[in-house]
PDB file of all heavy atoms in Angstrom:
ATOM      1  N   LEU A   1     128.796 111.285 126.241  1.00  0.00           N
ATOM      2  CA  LEU A   1     127.488 111.096 126.790  1.00  0.00           C
ATOM      3  C   LEU A   1     127.513 109.785 127.630  1.00  0.00           C
ATOM      4  O   LEU A   1     128.039 108.790 127.163  1.00  0.00           O
ATOM      5  CB  LEU A   1     126.401 110.941 125.721  1.00  0.00           C
ATOM      6  CG  LEU A   1     126.181 112.190 124.867  1.00  0.00           C
ATOM      7  CD1 LEU A   1     125.477 111.794 123.582  1.00  0.00           C
ATOM      8  CD2 LEU A   1     125.397 113.253 125.633  1.00  0.00           C
ATOM      9  N   GLY A   2     127.015 109.857 128.820  1.00  0.00           N
ATOM     10  CA  GLY A   2     126.981 108.724 129.743  1.00  0.00           C
ATOM     11  C   GLY A   2     125.698 108.435 130.363  1.00  0.00           C
ATOM     12  O   GLY A   2     124.901 109.404 130.599  1.00  0.00           O
ATOM     13  N   TRP A   3     125.443 107.141 130.643  1.00  0.00           N
ATOM     14  CA  TRP A   3     124.341 106.770 131.512  1.00  0.00           C
ATOM     15  C   TRP A   3     124.893 106.162 132.757  1.00  0.00           C
ATOM     16  O   TRP A   3     125.807 105.306 132.694  1.00  0.00           O
ATOM     17  CB  TRP A   3     123.387 105.752 130.750  1.00  0.00           C
ATOM     18  CG  TRP A   3     122.489 106.330 129.827  1.00  0.00           C
ATOM     19  CD1 TRP A   3     122.605 106.333 128.451  1.00  0.00           C
ATOM     20  CD2 TRP A   3     121.231 106.920 130.092  1.00  0.00           C
ATOM     21  NE1 TRP A   3     121.553 106.976 127.894  1.00  0.00           N
ATOM     22  CE2 TRP A   3     120.667 107.300 128.867  1.00  0.00           C
ATOM     23  CE3 TRP A   3     120.525 107.213 131.269  1.00  0.00           C
ATOM     24  CZ2 TRP A   3     119.439 107.971 128.765  1.00  0.00           C
ATOM     25  CZ3 TRP A   3     119.270 107.836 131.186  1.00  0.00           C
ATOM     26  CH2 TRP A   3     118.752 108.174 129.961  1.00  0.00           C
ATOM     27  N   PHE A   4     124.366 106.569 133.865  1.00  0.00           N
ATOM     28  CA  PHE A   4     124.758 106.189 135.173  1.00  0.00           C
ATOM     29  C   PHE A   4     123.513 105.767 135.984  1.00  0.00           C
ATOM     30  O   PHE A   4     122.413 106.144 135.664  1.00  0.00           O
ATOM     31  CB  PHE A   4     125.511 107.240 135.948  1.00  0.00           C
ATOM     32  CG  PHE A   4     126.841 107.596 135.273  1.00  0.00           C
ATOM     33  CD1 PHE A   4     126.859 108.414 134.240  1.00  0.00           C
ATOM     34  CD2 PHE A   4     128.081 107.081 135.767  1.00  0.00           C
ATOM     35  CE1 PHE A   4     128.042 108.798 133.643  1.00  0.00           C
ATOM     36  CE2 PHE A   4     129.231 107.376 135.148  1.00  0.00           C
ATOM     37  CZ  PHE A   4     129.259 108.247 134.084  1.00  0.00           C
ATOM     38  N   ARG A   5     123.716 104.978 137.046  1.00  0.00           N
ATOM     39  CA  ARG A   5     122.514 104.647 137.900  1.00  0.00           C
ATOM     40  C   ARG A   5     122.963 104.593 139.363  1.00  0.00           C
ATOM     41  O   ARG A   5     124.113 104.427 139.676  1.00  0.00           O
ATOM     42  CB  ARG A   5     121.951 103.264 137.516  1.00  0.00           C
ATOM     43  CG  ARG A   5     122.888 102.127 137.762  1.00  0.00           C
ATOM     44  CD  ARG A   5     122.288 100.813 137.234  1.00  0.00           C
ATOM     45  NE  ARG A   5     123.115  99.627 137.531  1.00  0.00           N
ATOM     46  CZ  ARG A   5     122.875  98.410 137.041  1.00  0.00           C
ATOM     47  NH1 ARG A   5     121.868  98.213 136.191  1.00  0.00           N
ATOM     48  NH2 ARG A   5     123.720  97.427 137.360  1.00  0.00           N
ATOM     49  N   GLN A   6     122.007 104.813 140.215  1.00  0.00           N
ATOM     50  CA  GLN A   6     122.236 104.752 141.584  1.00  0.00           C
ATOM     51  C   GLN A   6     121.087 104.036 142.285  1.00  0.00           C
ATOM     52  O   GLN A   6     119.900 104.512 142.254  1.00  0.00           O
ATOM     53  CB  GLN A   6     122.388 106.115 142.240  1.00  0.00           C
ATOM     54  CG  GLN A   6     122.885 106.103 143.694  1.00  0.00           C
ATOM     55  CD  GLN A   6     123.373 107.352 144.184  1.00  0.00           C
ATOM     56  OE1 GLN A   6     123.056 108.460 143.622  1.00  0.00           O
ATOM     57  NE2 GLN A   6     124.255 107.362 145.180  1.00  0.00           N
ATOM     58  N   ALA A   7     121.374 102.940 142.886  1.00  0.00           N
ATOM     59  CA  ALA A   7     120.389 102.136 143.657  1.00  0.00           C
ATOM     60  C   ALA A   7     120.410 102.589 145.106  1.00  0.00           C
ATOM     61  O   ALA A   7     121.407 103.113 145.580  1.00  0.00           O
ATOM     62  CB  ALA A   7     120.627 100.624 143.522  1.00  0.00           C
ATOM     63  N   PRO A   8     119.354 102.287 145.806  1.00  0.00           N
ATOM     64  CA  PRO A   8     119.286 102.661 147.229  1.00  0.00           C
ATOM     65  C   PRO A   8     120.483 102.020 148.039  1.00  0.00           C
ATOM     66  O   PRO A   8     120.713 100.803 147.882  1.00  0.00           O
ATOM     67  CB  PRO A   8     117.959 102.125 147.696  1.00  0.00           C
ATOM     68  CG  PRO A   8     117.094 102.134 146.499  1.00  0.00           C
ATOM     69  CD  PRO A   8     117.971 101.778 145.382  1.00  0.00           C
ATOM     70  N   GLY A   9     121.137 102.830 148.756  1.00  0.00           N
ATOM     71  CA  GLY A   9     122.256 102.358 149.568  1.00  0.00           C
ATOM     72  C   GLY A   9     123.502 102.037 148.787  1.00  0.00           C
ATOM     73  O   GLY A   9     124.493 101.536 149.424  1.00  0.00           O
ATOM     74  N   LYS A  10     123.558 102.344 147.560  1.00  0.00           N
ATOM     75  CA  LYS A  10     124.732 102.061 146.717  1.00  0.00           C
ATOM     76  C   LYS A  10     125.304 103.351 146.088  1.00  0.00           C
ATOM     77  O   LYS A  10     124.547 104.360 145.930  1.00  0.00           O
ATOM     78  CB  LYS A  10     124.422 101.020 145.658  1.00  0.00           C
ATOM     79  CG  LYS A  10     123.977  99.652 146.142  1.00  0.00           C
ATOM     80  CD  LYS A  10     123.755  98.698 145.037  1.00  0.00           C
ATOM     81  CE  LYS A  10     124.998  98.346 144.263  1.00  0.00           C
ATOM     82  NZ  LYS A  10     124.755  97.349 143.194  1.00  0.00           N
ATOM     83  N   GLU A  11     126.498 103.249 145.650  1.00  0.00           N
ATOM     84  CA  GLU A  11     127.119 104.409 144.984  1.00  0.00           C
ATOM     85  C   GLU A  11     126.647 104.497 143.543  1.00  0.00           C
ATOM     86  O   GLU A  11     126.271 103.453 142.957  1.00  0.00           O
ATOM     87  CB  GLU A  11     128.666 104.282 144.996  1.00  0.00           C
ATOM     88  CG  GLU A  11     129.226 104.390 146.424  1.00  0.00           C
ATOM     89  CD  GLU A  11     130.767 104.356 146.386  1.00  0.00           C
ATOM     90  OE1 GLU A  11     131.331 104.157 145.326  1.00  0.00           O
ATOM     91  OE2 GLU A  11     131.346 104.478 147.487  1.00  0.00           O
ATOM     92  N   ARG A  12     126.727 105.624 142.989  1.00  0.00           N
ATOM     93  CA  ARG A  12     126.366 105.797 141.570  1.00  0.00           C
ATOM     94  C   ARG A  12     127.427 105.061 140.708  1.00  0.00           C
ATOM     95  O   ARG A  12     128.603 105.145 140.954  1.00  0.00           O
ATOM     96  CB  ARG A  12     126.316 107.266 141.230  1.00  0.00           C
ATOM     97  CG  ARG A  12     125.777 107.496 139.818  1.00  0.00           C
ATOM     98  CD  ARG A  12     125.029 108.815 139.682  1.00  0.00           C
ATOM     99  NE  ARG A  12     125.922 109.968 140.076  1.00  0.00           N
ATOM    100  CZ  ARG A  12     125.454 111.204 140.167  1.00  0.00           C
ATOM    101  NH1 ARG A  12     124.191 111.516 139.887  1.00  0.00           N
ATOM    102  NH2 ARG A  12     126.308 112.143 140.551  1.00  0.00           N
ATOM    103  N   GLU A  13     126.979 104.384 139.694  1.00  0.00           N
ATOM    104  CA  GLU A  13     127.870 103.586 138.846  1.00  0.00           C
ATOM    105  C   GLU A  13     127.515 103.781 137.374  1.00  0.00           C
ATOM    106  O   GLU A  13     126.381 104.025 137.014  1.00  0.00           O
ATOM    107  CB  GLU A  13     127.814 102.126 139.208  1.00  0.00           C
ATOM    108  CG  GLU A  13     126.402 101.468 138.939  1.00  0.00           C
ATOM    109  CD  GLU A  13     126.442  99.983 139.122  1.00  0.00           C
ATOM    110  OE1 GLU A  13     127.517  99.376 139.252  1.00  0.00           O
ATOM    111  OE2 GLU A  13     125.325  99.405 139.207  1.00  0.00           O
ATOM    112  N   ALA A  14     128.511 103.674 136.525  1.00  0.00           N
ATOM    113  CA  ALA A  14     128.322 103.810 135.099  1.00  0.00           C
ATOM    114  C   ALA A  14     127.644 102.546 134.505  1.00  0.00           C
ATOM    115  O   ALA A  14     127.885 101.436 135.001  1.00  0.00           O
ATOM    116  CB  ALA A  14     129.642 104.063 134.392  1.00  0.00           C
ATOM    117  N   VAL A  15     126.754 102.729 133.565  1.00  0.00           N
ATOM    118  CA  VAL A  15     126.205 101.588 132.861  1.00  0.00           C
ATOM    119  C   VAL A  15     126.502 101.641 131.385  1.00  0.00           C
ATOM    120  O   VAL A  15     126.424 100.615 130.698  1.00  0.00           O
ATOM    121  CB  VAL A  15     124.681 101.468 133.051  1.00  0.00           C
ATOM    122  CG1 VAL A  15     124.370 101.172 134.532  1.00  0.00           C
ATOM    123  CG2 VAL A  15     123.953 102.792 132.632  1.00  0.00           C
ATOM    124  N   SER A  16     126.940 102.813 130.861  1.00  0.00           N
ATOM    125  CA  SER A  16     127.278 102.918 129.430  1.00  0.00           C
ATOM    126  C   SER A  16     127.729 104.338 129.181  1.00  0.00           C
ATOM    127  O   SER A  16     127.389 105.254 129.868  1.00  0.00           O
ATOM    128  CB  SER A  16     126.094 102.515 128.494  1.00  0.00           C
ATOM    129  OG  SER A  16     125.049 103.419 128.683  1.00  0.00           O
ATOM    130  N   CYS A  17     128.446 104.482 128.068  1.00  0.00           N
ATOM    131  CA  CYS A  17     128.774 105.849 127.600  1.00  0.00           C
ATOM    132  C   CYS A  17     129.178 105.830 126.161  1.00  0.00           C
ATOM    133  O   CYS A  17     129.483 104.798 125.585  1.00  0.00           O
ATOM    134  CB  CYS A  17     129.874 106.484 128.443  1.00  0.00           C
ATOM    135  SG  CYS A  17     131.519 105.674 128.335  1.00  0.00           S
ATOM    136  N   ILE A  18     129.153 107.003 125.570  1.00  0.00           N
ATOM    137  CA  ILE A  18     129.653 107.279 124.210  1.00  0.00           C
ATOM    138  C   ILE A  18     130.756 108.283 124.371  1.00  0.00           C
ATOM    139  O   ILE A  18     130.539 109.341 124.864  1.00  0.00           O
ATOM    140  CB  ILE A  18     128.521 107.792 123.285  1.00  0.00           C
ATOM    141  CG1 ILE A  18     127.385 106.836 123.153  1.00  0.00           C
ATOM    142  CG2 ILE A  18     129.163 108.117 121.926  1.00  0.00           C
ATOM    143  CD1 ILE A  18     126.189 107.346 122.392  1.00  0.00           C
ATOM    144  N   SER A  19     131.980 107.887 123.944  1.00  0.00           N
ATOM    145  CA  SER A  19     133.115 108.762 124.125  1.00  0.00           C
ATOM    146  C   SER A  19     133.069 109.941 123.139  1.00  0.00           C
ATOM    147  O   SER A  19     132.544 109.840 122.064  1.00  0.00           O
ATOM    148  CB  SER A  19     134.384 107.984 124.024  1.00  0.00           C
ATOM    149  OG  SER A  19     134.430 107.277 122.808  1.00  0.00           O
ATOM    150  N   ALA A  20     133.637 111.032 123.543  1.00  0.00           N
ATOM    151  CA  ALA A  20     133.809 112.166 122.683  1.00  0.00           C
ATOM    152  C   ALA A  20     134.760 111.852 121.561  1.00  0.00           C
ATOM    153  O   ALA A  20     135.632 111.015 121.686  1.00  0.00           O
ATOM    154  CB  ALA A  20     134.323 113.429 123.447  1.00  0.00           C
ATOM    155  N   GLY A  21     134.607 112.521 120.448  1.00  0.00           N
ATOM    156  CA  GLY A  21     135.598 112.372 119.373  1.00  0.00           C
ATOM    157  C   GLY A  21     135.187 111.262 118.428  1.00  0.00           C
ATOM    158  O   GLY A  21     134.621 111.494 117.356  1.00  0.00           O
ATOM    159  N   ASP A  22     135.488 110.049 118.830  1.00  0.00           N
ATOM    160  CA  ASP A  22     135.192 108.900 118.007  1.00  0.00           C
ATOM    161  C   ASP A  22     133.794 108.362 118.098  1.00  0.00           C
ATOM    162  O   ASP A  22     133.385 107.648 117.221  1.00  0.00           O
ATOM    163  CB  ASP A  22     136.282 107.736 118.216  1.00  0.00           C
ATOM    164  CG  ASP A  22     136.267 107.238 119.665  1.00  0.00           C
ATOM    165  OD1 ASP A  22     135.332 107.621 120.462  1.00  0.00           O
ATOM    166  OD2 ASP A  22     137.172 106.547 119.999  1.00  0.00           O
ATOM    167  N   GLY A  23     133.119 108.735 119.161  1.00  0.00           N
ATOM    168  CA  GLY A  23     131.766 108.253 119.392  1.00  0.00           C
ATOM    169  C   GLY A  23     131.607 106.801 119.654  1.00  0.00           C
ATOM    170  O   GLY A  23     130.536 106.207 119.409  1.00  0.00           O
ATOM    171  N   ASP A  24     132.679 106.116 120.104  1.00  0.00           N
ATOM    172  CA  ASP A  24     132.566 104.716 120.448  1.00  0.00           C
ATOM    173  C   ASP A  24     131.763 104.485 121.697  1.00  0.00           C
ATOM    174  O   ASP A  24     131.732 105.377 122.636  1.00  0.00           O
ATOM    175  CB  ASP A  24     133.985 104.128 120.655  1.00  0.00           C
ATOM    176  CG  ASP A  24     134.768 103.936 119.328  1.00  0.00           C
ATOM    177  OD1 ASP A  24     134.124 104.072 118.253  1.00  0.00           O
ATOM    178  OD2 ASP A  24     135.948 103.679 119.357  1.00  0.00           O
ATOM    179  N   THR A  25     131.169 103.352 121.798  1.00  0.00           N
ATOM    180  CA  THR A  25     130.397 102.984 122.966  1.00  0.00           C
ATOM    181  C   THR A  25     131.268 102.141 123.941  1.00  0.00           C
ATOM    182  O   THR A  25     132.145 101.444 123.540  1.00  0.00           O
ATOM    183  CB  THR A  25     129.129 102.177 122.608  1.00  0.00           C
ATOM    184  OG1 THR A  25     129.524 100.991 121.891  1.00  0.00           O
ATOM    185  CG2 THR A  25     128.235 103.066 121.708  1.00  0.00           C
ATOM    186  N   HIS A  26     130.907 102.314 125.224  1.00  0.00           N
ATOM    187  CA  HIS A  26     131.651 101.583 126.281  1.00  0.00           C
ATOM    188  C   HIS A  26     130.665 101.092 127.340  1.00  0.00           C
ATOM    189  O   HIS A  26     129.678 101.799 127.594  1.00  0.00           O
ATOM    190  CB  HIS A  26     132.659 102.534 126.932  1.00  0.00           C
ATOM    191  CG  HIS A  26     133.603 103.143 125.951  1.00  0.00           C
ATOM    192  ND1 HIS A  26     134.830 102.492 125.605  1.00  0.00           N
ATOM    193  CD2 HIS A  26     133.568 104.252 125.197  1.00  0.00           C
ATOM    194  CE1 HIS A  26     135.444 103.250 124.682  1.00  0.00           C
ATOM    195  NE2 HIS A  26     134.679 104.312 124.433  1.00  0.00           N
ATOM    196  N   TYR A  27     130.972  99.959 127.910  1.00  0.00           N
ATOM    197  CA  TYR A  27     130.043  99.341 128.922  1.00  0.00           C
ATOM    198  C   TYR A  27     130.857  98.661 130.000  1.00  0.00           C
ATOM    199  O   TYR A  27     131.905  98.073 129.747  1.00  0.00           O
ATOM    200  CB  TYR A  27     129.219  98.233 128.199  1.00  0.00           C
ATOM    201  CG  TYR A  27     128.344  98.743 127.090  1.00  0.00           C
ATOM    202  CD1 TYR A  27     128.866  98.687 125.777  1.00  0.00           C
ATOM    203  CD2 TYR A  27     127.077  99.227 127.292  1.00  0.00           C
ATOM    204  CE1 TYR A  27     128.072  99.179 124.721  1.00  0.00           C
ATOM    205  CE2 TYR A  27     126.309  99.679 126.215  1.00  0.00           C
ATOM    206  CZ  TYR A  27     126.791  99.668 124.950  1.00  0.00           C
ATOM    207  OH  TYR A  27     126.045 100.073 123.888  1.00  0.00           O
ATOM    208  N   PRO A  28     130.357  98.718 131.185  1.00  0.00           N
ATOM    209  CA  PRO A  28     130.974  97.891 132.284  1.00  0.00           C
ATOM    210  C   PRO A  28     130.473  96.446 132.166  1.00  0.00           C
ATOM    211  O   PRO A  28     129.458  96.210 131.513  1.00  0.00           O
ATOM    212  CB  PRO A  28     130.451  98.572 133.519  1.00  0.00           C
ATOM    213  CG  PRO A  28     129.109  99.089 133.145  1.00  0.00           C
ATOM    214  CD  PRO A  28     129.201  99.517 131.718  1.00  0.00           C
ATOM    215  N   TRP A  29     131.116  95.559 132.868  1.00  0.00           N
ATOM    216  CA  TRP A  29     130.713  94.143 132.749  1.00  0.00           C
ATOM    217  C   TRP A  29     129.343  93.879 133.272  1.00  0.00           C
ATOM    218  O   TRP A  29     128.750  92.904 132.841  1.00  0.00           O
ATOM    219  CB  TRP A  29     131.760  93.307 133.533  1.00  0.00           C
ATOM    220  CG  TRP A  29     131.668  93.464 135.037  1.00  0.00           C
ATOM    221  CD1 TRP A  29     132.405  94.378 135.781  1.00  0.00           C
ATOM    222  CD2 TRP A  29     130.895  92.742 135.893  1.00  0.00           C
ATOM    223  NE1 TRP A  29     132.106  94.199 137.096  1.00  0.00           N
ATOM    224  CE2 TRP A  29     131.138  93.259 137.201  1.00  0.00           C
ATOM    225  CE3 TRP A  29     129.953  91.711 135.744  1.00  0.00           C
ATOM    226  CZ2 TRP A  29     130.493  92.759 138.341  1.00  0.00           C
ATOM    227  CZ3 TRP A  29     129.314  91.256 136.874  1.00  0.00           C
ATOM    228  CH2 TRP A  29     129.540  91.761 138.164  1.00  0.00           C
ATOM    229  N   THR A  30     128.874  94.711 134.183  1.00  0.00           N
ATOM    230  CA  THR A  30     127.606  94.464 134.820  1.00  0.00           C
ATOM    231  C   THR A  30     126.439  94.460 133.789  1.00  0.00           C
ATOM    232  O   THR A  30     125.375  93.817 134.041  1.00  0.00           O
ATOM    233  CB  THR A  30     127.313  95.542 135.896  1.00  0.00           C
ATOM    234  OG1 THR A  30     127.554  96.832 135.428  1.00  0.00           O
ATOM    235  CG2 THR A  30     128.195  95.239 137.120  1.00  0.00           C
ATOM    236  N   VAL A  31     126.494  95.217 132.760  1.00  0.00           N
ATOM    237  CA  VAL A  31     125.415  95.348 131.807  1.00  0.00           C
ATOM    238  C   VAL A  31     125.745  94.915 130.420  1.00  0.00           C
ATOM    239  O   VAL A  31     124.896  94.872 129.495  1.00  0.00           O
ATOM    240  CB  VAL A  31     124.833  96.772 131.853  1.00  0.00           C
ATOM    241  CG1 VAL A  31     124.435  97.158 133.228  1.00  0.00           C
ATOM    242  CG2 VAL A  31     125.778  97.773 131.227  1.00  0.00           C
ATOM    243  N   LYS A  32     127.052  94.700 130.096  1.00  0.00           N
ATOM    244  CA  LYS A  32     127.437  94.404 128.736  1.00  0.00           C
ATOM    245  C   LYS A  32     126.696  93.176 128.220  1.00  0.00           C
ATOM    246  O   LYS A  32     126.628  92.120 128.878  1.00  0.00           O
ATOM    247  CB  LYS A  32     128.966  94.138 128.785  1.00  0.00           C
ATOM    248  CG  LYS A  32     129.546  94.151 127.303  1.00  0.00           C
ATOM    249  CD  LYS A  32     131.050  94.086 127.357  1.00  0.00           C
ATOM    250  CE  LYS A  32     131.677  94.082 125.976  1.00  0.00           C
ATOM    251  NZ  LYS A  32     131.497  95.377 125.306  1.00  0.00           N
TER     252      LYS A  32
END
């Protein structure tokens, strides 16, 4: 499961996710 965002004039980017299998969470530096 992932959350992504897209601001006007910018590409869509990841903000967080939960990986399959282990269910661990992951974040990019922008929102960590």
